Amino acid sequence: MKNTFAASLALGMMLAIVLSPSAANAEHEGKIQILLLGDSTTEGSVPRRLKPKGPHLEKVLELLLAAEGDLPPCHVINSSLSGEYIRRLIDSGRYDRKGAKLPGLDYILIRYGLNDRARRKEFTVNFPKDFHELLARLRRDHPQALLIPMTVIPFADEKASKVINDLVLKVAKKEQLAVFDICPRYAAELQKGPNMLNYRRYPLAKIPKQYHNLVKPFANGPSVEVMANELDPILGKLPGWYGDRHPNLAGYNVIADETARYLAKLLREKKARK
C-alpha cells in the first residue's frame, strides 16, 4: 500500500514538472529572448521559389550576436508577416495567437509603417493611434520586455519615408521609448549602389519574347524574380526593372548587422549594471 502510494506520488510529481508552465518553456531558458514584429522587411521574405542558401534573417542575427563572444546566448523569434500593418496584426487576432503568450521576452523590436501608409485610412492620424495601442498591448502582455520602436528602411521615396519615421519618433517620444533608427545605415549602404540591396521582380509580359528562355529559371507565375544582379547587364535598361525595393539577402544582412550592433550595445550596458 505504501509502495503504491509512493509510486503514485512520484508519478504525480513527475507529471507536475512536465506539465508546469516553466517546464513547457524550458526549450529557451537561459537565453535572451528577442521578438521581431513587422512587415516583409522585418520578416526577411524572399521569393519562395528561389530557396536562398544560408541562414535566414533571425538566424543571422543570432549568429552575429554569438560572434561577439562576450554576450549571453540569444534566441530570436521572428513573428513578422509580409503585407502586415499594425491594425491588421491586432484585428486579425494574429498578435493574440503569435505574440501575446510568448514566454520570457526581453526585447521586442517593432518596425511598421510601410503598409500602414498604403492601407490605413487617414494614415497620419490612425498610424500613431495604432502604434500606441500595440505598445499598450505589449506592455500588458510582456511587462519585463524592453520595447524598441524602429524606423523603416528607405523603401519608398525619401519624403514618404520621412513622414513615416517622423511619426514613429513622435510616438516613441510620447511613450518615453528610445528609437532604433536603422534608416541611416541602410541609406548609407545604398550609396554604394542604389540597387545592390533589393531583388528584381518584373512582369514577364513586359520582357521581350527573345529573352523568355533566358528568364525561364526565374519565372514565378506572371513575374520574373531575381535575387541579385545577374540579369542586370541584359535587362537592366527595361523601364521599371529596379522598381521593387524589397531587400534581397544583402539587404536583410544589412538589417541583421545593424540590429546586432544595436542589441549588443544594450546587452553590454545591461551586463555592466549588474
C-alpha atoms as a PDB file:
ATOM      1  CA  MET A   1       0.000   0.000   0.000  1.00  0.00           C
ATOM      2  CA  LYS A   2       2.803   2.384   0.991  1.00  0.00           C
ATOM      3  CA  ASN A   3       4.760   1.434  -2.126  1.00  0.00           C
ATOM      4  CA  THR A   4       1.700   2.090  -4.289  1.00  0.00           C
ATOM      5  CA  PHE A   5       1.139   5.488  -2.664  1.00  0.00           C
ATOM      6  CA  ALA A   6       4.812   6.409  -3.025  1.00  0.00           C
ATOM      7  CA  ALA A   7       4.804   5.403  -6.682  1.00  0.00           C
ATOM      8  CA  SER A   8       1.657   7.441  -7.325  1.00  0.00           C
ATOM      9  CA  LEU A   9       3.127  10.429  -5.532  1.00  0.00           C
ATOM     10  CA  ALA A  10       6.324  10.203  -7.566  1.00  0.00           C
ATOM     11  CA  LEU A  11       4.360   9.909 -10.796  1.00  0.00           C
ATOM     12  CA  GLY A  12       2.247  12.912  -9.856  1.00  0.00           C
ATOM     13  CA  MET A  13       5.347  14.982  -9.119  1.00  0.00           C
ATOM     14  CA  MET A  14       6.879  13.996 -12.456  1.00  0.00           C
ATOM     15  CA  LEU A  15       3.698  14.974 -14.312  1.00  0.00           C
ATOM     16  CA  ALA A  16       3.562  18.271 -12.458  1.00  0.00           C
ATOM     17  CA  ILE A  17       7.105  19.042 -13.558  1.00  0.00           C
ATOM     18  CA  VAL A  18       6.465  18.041 -17.164  1.00  0.00           C
ATOM     19  CA  LEU A  19       3.204  19.969 -17.414  1.00  0.00           C
ATOM     20  CA  SER A  20       4.186  23.051 -15.444  1.00  0.00           C
ATOM     21  CA  PRO A  21       4.458  26.351 -17.358  1.00  0.00           C
ATOM     22  CA  SER A  22       8.157  26.706 -16.562  1.00  0.00           C
ATOM     23  CA  ALA A  23       8.927  23.269 -17.932  1.00  0.00           C
ATOM     24  CA  ALA A  24       6.887  23.951 -21.040  1.00  0.00           C
ATOM     25  CA  ASN A  25       9.094  26.966 -21.680  1.00  0.00           C
ATOM     26  CA  ALA A  26      12.321  25.160 -20.877  1.00  0.00           C
ATOM     27  CA  GLU A  27      13.442  24.951 -24.511  1.00  0.00           C
ATOM     28  CA  HIS A  28      14.675  28.544 -24.467  1.00  0.00           C
ATOM     29  CA  GLU A  29      15.544  29.023 -20.806  1.00  0.00           C
ATOM     30  CA  GLY A  30      18.922  30.614 -20.258  1.00  0.00           C
ATOM     31  CA  LYS A  31      18.754  32.611 -23.488  1.00  0.00           C
ATOM     32  CA  ILE A  32      17.889  36.239 -24.107  1.00  0.00           C
ATOM     33  CA  GLN A  33      14.541  36.243 -25.909  1.00  0.00           C
ATOM     34  CA  ILE A  34      14.236  38.734 -28.785  1.00  0.00           C
ATOM     35  CA  LEU A  35      10.995  39.212 -30.727  1.00  0.00           C
ATOM     36  CA  LEU A  36      10.814  40.842 -34.167  1.00  0.00           C
ATOM     37  CA  LEU A  37       7.463  42.358 -35.180  1.00  0.00           C
ATOM     38  CA  GLY A  38       6.919  43.943 -38.569  1.00  0.00           C
ATOM     39  CA  ASP A  39       6.159  43.577 -42.260  1.00  0.00           C
ATOM     40  CA  SER A  40       8.040  41.865 -45.104  1.00  0.00           C
ATOM     41  CA  THR A  41      11.154  43.970 -44.485  1.00  0.00           C
ATOM     42  CA  THR A  42      11.267  42.500 -40.982  1.00  0.00           C
ATOM     43  CA  GLU A  43      10.076  39.038 -41.929  1.00  0.00           C
ATOM     44  CA  GLY A  44      13.039  38.675 -44.263  1.00  0.00           C
ATOM     45  CA  SER A  45      10.756  37.425 -47.016  1.00  0.00           C
ATOM     46  CA  VAL A  46      12.279  36.428 -50.334  1.00  0.00           C
ATOM     47  CA  PRO A  47      10.616  34.672 -53.262  1.00  0.00           C
ATOM     48  CA  ARG A  48       9.927  31.100 -52.111  1.00  0.00           C
ATOM     49  CA  ARG A  49      10.913  29.660 -55.453  1.00  0.00           C
ATOM     50  CA  LEU A  50      14.479  30.926 -55.105  1.00  0.00           C
ATOM     51  CA  LYS A  51      15.190  28.964 -51.896  1.00  0.00           C
ATOM     52  CA  PRO A  52      18.257  31.026 -50.992  1.00  0.00           C
ATOM     53  CA  LYS A  53      21.160  29.278 -49.344  1.00  0.00           C
ATOM     54  CA  GLY A  54      22.399  30.284 -45.944  1.00  0.00           C
ATOM     55  CA  PRO A  55      20.666  31.281 -42.704  1.00  0.00           C
ATOM     56  CA  HIS A  56      17.504  33.375 -42.571  1.00  0.00           C
ATOM     57  CA  LEU A  57      17.354  36.872 -41.062  1.00  0.00           C
ATOM     58  CA  GLU A  58      16.630  35.855 -37.462  1.00  0.00           C
ATOM     59  CA  LYS A  59      19.312  33.148 -37.548  1.00  0.00           C
ATOM     60  CA  VAL A  60      21.845  35.598 -38.976  1.00  0.00           C
ATOM     61  CA  LEU A  61      21.053  37.907 -36.071  1.00  0.00           C
ATOM     62  CA  GLU A  62      21.611  35.088 -33.582  1.00  0.00           C
ATOM     63  CA  LEU A  63      24.925  34.179 -35.224  1.00  0.00           C
ATOM     64  CA  LEU A  64      26.154  37.779 -35.248  1.00  0.00           C
ATOM     65  CA  LEU A  65      25.329  38.212 -31.572  1.00  0.00           C
ATOM     66  CA  ALA A  66      27.081  34.935 -30.757  1.00  0.00           C
ATOM     67  CA  ALA A  67      30.125  36.030 -32.767  1.00  0.00           C
ATOM     68  CA  GLU A  68      30.629  38.962 -30.372  1.00  0.00           C
ATOM     69  CA  GLY A  69      31.948  36.445 -27.878  1.00  0.00           C
ATOM     70  CA  ASP A  70      31.039  38.295 -24.673  1.00  0.00           C
ATOM     71  CA  LEU A  71      27.245  38.269 -24.905  1.00  0.00           C
ATOM     72  CA  PRO A  72      24.763  35.828 -23.372  1.00  0.00           C
ATOM     73  CA  PRO A  73      23.099  33.285 -25.697  1.00  0.00           C
ATOM     74  CA  CYS A  74      20.227  34.825 -27.640  1.00  0.00           C
ATOM     75  CA  HIS A  75      17.132  33.366 -29.262  1.00  0.00           C
ATOM     76  CA  VAL A  76      15.436  35.467 -31.947  1.00  0.00           C
ATOM     77  CA  ILE A  77      11.749  34.909 -32.711  1.00  0.00           C
ATOM     78  CA  ASN A  78      10.559  36.411 -35.983  1.00  0.00           C
ATOM     79  CA  SER A  79       6.796  36.937 -35.840  1.00  0.00           C
ATOM     80  CA  SER A  80       6.620  39.322 -38.786  1.00  0.00           C
ATOM     81  CA  LEU A  81       4.484  38.899 -41.887  1.00  0.00           C
ATOM     82  CA  SER A  82       4.618  40.181 -45.435  1.00  0.00           C
ATOM     83  CA  GLY A  83       1.963  42.796 -46.134  1.00  0.00           C
ATOM     84  CA  GLU A  84       1.161  43.339 -42.481  1.00  0.00           C
ATOM     85  CA  TYR A  85       0.324  46.610 -40.775  1.00  0.00           C
ATOM     86  CA  ILE A  86      -0.492  47.268 -37.131  1.00  0.00           C
ATOM     87  CA  ARG A  87      -4.277  47.407 -37.462  1.00  0.00           C
ATOM     88  CA  ARG A  88      -4.362  44.061 -39.262  1.00  0.00           C
ATOM     89  CA  LEU A  89      -1.935  42.494 -36.790  1.00  0.00           C
ATOM     90  CA  ILE A  90      -4.333  43.304 -33.958  1.00  0.00           C
ATOM     91  CA  ASP A  91      -7.737  42.934 -35.637  1.00  0.00           C
ATOM     92  CA  SER A  92      -6.892  39.631 -37.336  1.00  0.00           C
ATOM     93  CA  GLY A  93      -6.056  38.072 -33.970  1.00  0.00           C
ATOM     94  CA  ARG A  94      -2.556  37.224 -35.160  1.00  0.00           C
ATOM     95  CA  TYR A  95      -0.965  39.143 -32.325  1.00  0.00           C
ATOM     96  CA  ASP A  96      -3.043  37.210 -29.790  1.00  0.00           C
ATOM     97  CA  ARG A  97      -2.096  33.908 -31.441  1.00  0.00           C
ATOM     98  CA  LYS A  98       1.556  34.548 -32.225  1.00  0.00           C
ATOM     99  CA  GLY A  99       2.792  37.244 -29.863  1.00  0.00           C
ATOM    100  CA  ALA A 100       0.768  37.738 -26.716  1.00  0.00           C
ATOM    101  CA  LYS A 101       1.710  34.492 -24.985  1.00  0.00           C
ATOM    102  CA  LEU A 102       5.375  34.143 -25.910  1.00  0.00           C
ATOM    103  CA  PRO A 103       7.284  33.451 -22.691  1.00  0.00           C
ATOM    104  CA  GLY A 104      10.126  35.417 -21.180  1.00  0.00           C
ATOM    105  CA  LEU A 105      10.628  38.108 -23.820  1.00  0.00           C
ATOM    106  CA  ASP A 106      13.487  40.506 -23.094  1.00  0.00           C
ATOM    107  CA  TYR A 107      13.499  42.736 -26.176  1.00  0.00           C
ATOM    108  CA  ILE A 108      10.749  43.466 -28.712  1.00  0.00           C
ATOM    109  CA  LEU A 109      11.714  45.286 -31.910  1.00  0.00           C
ATOM    110  CA  ILE A 110       8.779  46.841 -33.770  1.00  0.00           C
ATOM    111  CA  ARG A 111       9.008  48.071 -37.358  1.00  0.00           C
ATOM    112  CA  TYR A 112       5.777  49.097 -39.079  1.00  0.00           C
ATOM    113  CA  GLY A 113       4.698  51.966 -41.271  1.00  0.00           C
ATOM    114  CA  LEU A 114       5.205  50.997 -44.912  1.00  0.00           C
ATOM    115  CA  ASN A 115       1.991  49.019 -45.320  1.00  0.00           C
ATOM    116  CA  ASP A 116       0.194  51.211 -42.789  1.00  0.00           C
ATOM    117  CA  ARG A 117       0.819  54.196 -45.062  1.00  0.00           C
ATOM    118  CA  ALA A 118      -0.526  52.326 -48.079  1.00  0.00           C
ATOM    119  CA  ARG A 119      -3.576  50.696 -46.447  1.00  0.00           C
ATOM    120  CA  ARG A 120      -4.604  52.666 -43.374  1.00  0.00           C
ATOM    121  CA  LYS A 121      -7.114  55.454 -43.960  1.00  0.00           C
ATOM    122  CA  GLU A 122      -6.097  58.830 -42.534  1.00  0.00           C
ATOM    123  CA  PHE A 123      -2.613  57.422 -42.036  1.00  0.00           C
ATOM    124  CA  THR A 124      -1.064  60.340 -40.200  1.00  0.00           C
ATOM    125  CA  VAL A 125      -3.868  60.223 -37.616  1.00  0.00           C
ATOM    126  CA  ASN A 126      -4.520  56.495 -37.306  1.00  0.00           C
ATOM    127  CA  PHE A 127      -0.996  55.096 -37.550  1.00  0.00           C
ATOM    128  CA  PRO A 128       0.142  56.770 -34.307  1.00  0.00           C
ATOM    129  CA  LYS A 129      -3.067  55.618 -32.583  1.00  0.00           C
ATOM    130  CA  ASP A 130      -2.475  52.056 -33.767  1.00  0.00           C
ATOM    131  CA  PHE A 131       1.147  52.181 -32.659  1.00  0.00           C
ATOM    132  CA  HIS A 132       0.192  53.395 -29.177  1.00  0.00           C
ATOM    133  CA  GLU A 133      -2.405  50.632 -28.952  1.00  0.00           C
ATOM    134  CA  LEU A 134       0.131  47.967 -29.912  1.00  0.00           C
ATOM    135  CA  LEU A 135       2.653  49.271 -27.397  1.00  0.00           C
ATOM    136  CA  ALA A 136      -0.009  49.155 -24.678  1.00  0.00           C
ATOM    137  CA  ARG A 137      -0.783  45.537 -25.532  1.00  0.00           C
ATOM    138  CA  LEU A 138       2.895  44.634 -25.499  1.00  0.00           C
ATOM    139  CA  ARG A 139       3.397  46.309 -22.129  1.00  0.00           C
ATOM    140  CA  ARG A 140       0.444  44.425 -20.702  1.00  0.00           C
ATOM    141  CA  ASP A 141       1.482  41.027 -22.058  1.00  0.00           C
ATOM    142  CA  HIS A 142       5.270  41.405 -21.680  1.00  0.00           C
ATOM    143  CA  PRO A 143       5.900  43.801 -18.789  1.00  0.00           C
ATOM    144  CA  GLN A 144       9.542  42.771 -18.446  1.00  0.00           C
ATOM    145  CA  ALA A 145      10.426  43.355 -22.100  1.00  0.00           C
ATOM    146  CA  LEU A 146      12.172  46.434 -23.456  1.00  0.00           C
ATOM    147  CA  LEU A 147      10.067  47.803 -26.317  1.00  0.00           C
ATOM    148  CA  ILE A 148      12.100  49.157 -29.237  1.00  0.00           C
ATOM    149  CA  PRO A 149      10.284  51.073 -31.988  1.00  0.00           C
ATOM    150  CA  MET A 150      12.236  51.151 -35.233  1.00  0.00           C
ATOM    151  CA  THR A 151      12.298  53.474 -38.206  1.00  0.00           C
ATOM    152  CA  VAL A 152      11.534  51.990 -41.613  1.00  0.00           C
ATOM    153  CA  ILE A 153      14.235  51.393 -44.201  1.00  0.00           C
ATOM    154  CA  PRO A 154      14.333  53.668 -47.292  1.00  0.00           C
ATOM    155  CA  PHE A 155      11.727  51.621 -49.154  1.00  0.00           C
ATOM    156  CA  ALA A 156       9.564  54.400 -50.550  1.00  0.00           C
ATOM    157  CA  ASP A 157      10.873  57.775 -51.690  1.00  0.00           C
ATOM    158  CA  GLU A 158      12.737  59.930 -49.208  1.00  0.00           C
ATOM    159  CA  LYS A 159       9.776  62.200 -48.477  1.00  0.00           C
ATOM    160  CA  ALA A 160       7.411  59.287 -47.733  1.00  0.00           C
ATOM    161  CA  SER A 161      10.000  57.579 -45.547  1.00  0.00           C
ATOM    162  CA  LYS A 162      10.474  60.769 -43.554  1.00  0.00           C
ATOM    163  CA  VAL A 163       6.725  61.100 -42.948  1.00  0.00           C
ATOM    164  CA  ILE A 164       6.600  57.544 -41.563  1.00  0.00           C
ATOM    165  CA  ASN A 165       9.739  57.869 -39.474  1.00  0.00           C
ATOM    166  CA  ASP A 166       8.744  61.244 -38.030  1.00  0.00           C
ATOM    167  CA  LEU A 167       5.512  59.654 -36.788  1.00  0.00           C
ATOM    168  CA  VAL A 168       7.461  56.758 -35.245  1.00  0.00           C
ATOM    169  CA  LEU A 169       9.728  59.232 -33.468  1.00  0.00           C
ATOM    170  CA  LYS A 170       6.724  61.179 -32.111  1.00  0.00           C
ATOM    171  CA  VAL A 171       5.083  58.006 -30.829  1.00  0.00           C
ATOM    172  CA  ALA A 172       8.298  56.887 -29.165  1.00  0.00           C
ATOM    173  CA  LYS A 173       8.847  60.275 -27.549  1.00  0.00           C
ATOM    174  CA  LYS A 174       5.346  60.248 -26.083  1.00  0.00           C
ATOM    175  CA  GLU A 175       5.884  56.682 -24.844  1.00  0.00           C
ATOM    176  CA  GLN A 176       9.348  57.589 -23.481  1.00  0.00           C
ATOM    177  CA  LEU A 177      10.996  54.906 -25.576  1.00  0.00           C
ATOM    178  CA  ALA A 178      14.326  55.037 -27.382  1.00  0.00           C
ATOM    179  CA  VAL A 179      14.092  54.526 -31.150  1.00  0.00           C
ATOM    180  CA  PHE A 180      16.352  52.192 -33.065  1.00  0.00           C
ATOM    181  CA  ASP A 181      16.953  54.312 -36.164  1.00  0.00           C
ATOM    182  CA  ILE A 182      18.004  51.805 -38.797  1.00  0.00           C
ATOM    183  CA  CYS A 183      17.246  54.111 -41.728  1.00  0.00           C
ATOM    184  CA  PRO A 184      20.616  55.959 -41.859  1.00  0.00           C
ATOM    185  CA  ARG A 185      22.690  52.763 -42.022  1.00  0.00           C
ATOM    186  CA  TYR A 186      20.538  51.296 -44.783  1.00  0.00           C
ATOM    187  CA  ALA A 187      20.616  54.574 -46.711  1.00  0.00           C
ATOM    188  CA  ALA A 188      24.402  54.701 -46.369  1.00  0.00           C
ATOM    189  CA  GLU A 189      24.723  51.189 -47.785  1.00  0.00           C
ATOM    190  CA  LEU A 190      22.548  52.203 -50.732  1.00  0.00           C
ATOM    191  CA  GLN A 191      25.083  54.914 -51.551  1.00  0.00           C
ATOM    192  CA  LYS A 192      27.455  52.136 -52.568  1.00  0.00           C
ATOM    193  CA  GLY A 193      24.962  51.119 -55.233  1.00  0.00           C
ATOM    194  CA  PRO A 194      21.296  52.161 -55.319  1.00  0.00           C
ATOM    195  CA  ASN A 195      20.089  48.722 -56.416  1.00  0.00           C
ATOM    196  CA  MET A 196      22.515  46.427 -54.639  1.00  0.00           C
ATOM    197  CA  LEU A 197      20.207  45.693 -51.679  1.00  0.00           C
ATOM    198  CA  ASN A 198      16.924  44.881 -53.462  1.00  0.00           C
ATOM    199  CA  TYR A 199      15.830  41.984 -55.592  1.00  0.00           C
ATOM    200  CA  ARG A 200      14.284  42.321 -59.023  1.00  0.00           C
ATOM    201  CA  ARG A 201      10.621  41.465 -59.567  1.00  0.00           C
ATOM    202  CA  TYR A 202       9.301  42.264 -63.020  1.00  0.00           C
ATOM    203  CA  PRO A 203       6.230  41.300 -65.091  1.00  0.00           C
ATOM    204  CA  LEU A 204       7.084  38.533 -67.517  1.00  0.00           C
ATOM    205  CA  ALA A 205       4.706  40.082 -70.051  1.00  0.00           C
ATOM    206  CA  LYS A 206       6.901  43.192 -70.223  1.00  0.00           C
ATOM    207  CA  ILE A 207      10.076  41.261 -71.013  1.00  0.00           C
ATOM    208  CA  PRO A 208      10.820  40.966 -74.760  1.00  0.00           C
ATOM    209  CA  LYS A 209       9.966  37.482 -76.024  1.00  0.00           C
ATOM    210  CA  GLN A 210      13.512  36.810 -77.246  1.00  0.00           C
ATOM    211  CA  TYR A 211      14.576  36.743 -73.582  1.00  0.00           C
ATOM    212  CA  HIS A 212      11.853  34.429 -72.262  1.00  0.00           C
ATOM    213  CA  ASN A 213      14.064  31.344 -72.409  1.00  0.00           C
ATOM    214  CA  LEU A 214      16.751  33.285 -70.576  1.00  0.00           C
ATOM    215  CA  VAL A 215      14.444  34.269 -67.717  1.00  0.00           C
ATOM    216  CA  LYS A 216      12.564  30.965 -67.540  1.00  0.00           C
ATOM    217  CA  PRO A 217      14.515  29.731 -64.486  1.00  0.00           C
ATOM    218  CA  PHE A 218      13.477  32.921 -62.654  1.00  0.00           C
ATOM    219  CA  ALA A 219       9.797  32.877 -63.612  1.00  0.00           C
ATOM    220  CA  ASN A 220       7.201  32.699 -60.855  1.00  0.00           C
ATOM    221  CA  GLY A 221       3.702  32.898 -62.258  1.00  0.00           C
ATOM    222  CA  PRO A 222       3.304  36.232 -64.027  1.00  0.00           C
ATOM    223  CA  SER A 223       6.593  37.611 -62.692  1.00  0.00           C
ATOM    224  CA  VAL A 224      10.304  37.169 -63.037  1.00  0.00           C
ATOM    225  CA  GLU A 225      12.094  37.262 -59.675  1.00  0.00           C
ATOM    226  CA  VAL A 226      15.863  37.607 -59.377  1.00  0.00           C
ATOM    227  CA  MET A 227      17.602  37.877 -56.026  1.00  0.00           C
ATOM    228  CA  ALA A 228      20.707  39.699 -57.212  1.00  0.00           C
ATOM    229  CA  ASN A 229      22.149  41.457 -60.256  1.00  0.00           C
ATOM    230  CA  GLU A 230      22.883  38.628 -62.672  1.00  0.00           C
ATOM    231  CA  LEU A 231      20.370  39.760 -65.293  1.00  0.00           C
ATOM    232  CA  ASP A 232      21.029  43.489 -64.922  1.00  0.00           C
ATOM    233  CA  PRO A 233      23.520  43.687 -67.820  1.00  0.00           C
ATOM    234  CA  ILE A 234      20.860  42.339 -70.191  1.00  0.00           C
ATOM    235  CA  LEU A 235      17.543  43.558 -68.776  1.00  0.00           C
ATOM    236  CA  GLY A 236      18.590  46.485 -66.624  1.00  0.00           C
ATOM    237  CA  LYS A 237      17.502  49.011 -69.254  1.00  0.00           C
ATOM    238  CA  LEU A 238      13.888  47.868 -69.157  1.00  0.00           C
ATOM    239  CA  PRO A 239      11.665  50.589 -67.636  1.00  0.00           C
ATOM    240  CA  GLY A 240      10.953  49.724 -64.009  1.00  0.00           C
ATOM    241  CA  TRP A 241      13.412  46.817 -63.824  1.00  0.00           C
ATOM    242  CA  TYR A 242      14.655  48.110 -60.446  1.00  0.00           C
ATOM    243  CA  GLY A 243      11.210  49.175 -59.228  1.00  0.00           C
ATOM    244  CA  ASP A 244      10.709  46.566 -56.497  1.00  0.00           C
ATOM    245  CA  ARG A 245      12.521  47.736 -53.365  1.00  0.00           C
ATOM    246  CA  HIS A 246      12.148  44.645 -51.197  1.00  0.00           C
ATOM    247  CA  PRO A 247      15.528  43.733 -49.737  1.00  0.00           C
ATOM    248  CA  ASN A 248      17.488  40.833 -51.164  1.00  0.00           C
ATOM    249  CA  LEU A 249      19.781  38.745 -48.974  1.00  0.00           C
ATOM    250  CA  ALA A 250      22.365  41.539 -48.883  1.00  0.00           C
ATOM    251  CA  GLY A 251      19.673  43.961 -47.755  1.00  0.00           C
ATOM    252  CA  TYR A 252      18.493  41.670 -44.991  1.00  0.00           C
ATOM    253  CA  ASN A 253      22.077  41.162 -43.881  1.00  0.00           C
ATOM    254  CA  VAL A 254      22.453  44.937 -43.528  1.00  0.00           C
ATOM    255  CA  ILE A 255      19.365  44.893 -41.316  1.00  0.00           C
ATOM    256  CA  ALA A 256      20.706  41.950 -39.296  1.00  0.00           C
ATOM    257  CA  ASP A 257      24.142  43.516 -38.881  1.00  0.00           C
ATOM    258  CA  GLU A 258      22.849  46.891 -37.714  1.00  0.00           C
ATOM    259  CA  THR A 259      20.347  45.196 -35.397  1.00  0.00           C
ATOM    260  CA  ALA A 260      23.103  43.066 -33.887  1.00  0.00           C
ATOM    261  CA  ARG A 261      25.188  46.178 -33.231  1.00  0.00           C
ATOM    262  CA  TYR A 262      22.252  47.896 -31.550  1.00  0.00           C
ATOM    263  CA  LEU A 263      21.369  44.920 -29.369  1.00  0.00           C
ATOM    264  CA  ALA A 264      24.986  44.183 -28.476  1.00  0.00           C
ATOM    265  CA  LYS A 265      25.287  47.676 -27.000  1.00  0.00           C
ATOM    266  CA  LEU A 266      22.102  47.192 -24.963  1.00  0.00           C
ATOM    267  CA  LEU A 267      23.220  43.793 -23.717  1.00  0.00           C
ATOM    268  CA  ARG A 268      26.611  45.121 -22.631  1.00  0.00           C
ATOM    269  CA  GLU A 269      25.001  48.056 -20.848  1.00  0.00           C
ATOM    270  CA  LYS A 270      22.670  45.658 -19.051  1.00  0.00           C
ATOM    271  CA  LYS A 271      25.611  43.460 -18.060  1.00  0.00           C
ATOM    272  CA  ALA A 272      27.533  46.460 -16.714  1.00  0.00           C
ATOM    273  CA  ARG A 273      24.622  47.433 -14.464  1.00  0.00           C
ATOM    274  CA  LYS A 274      24.628  44.079 -12.706  1.00  0.00           C
END
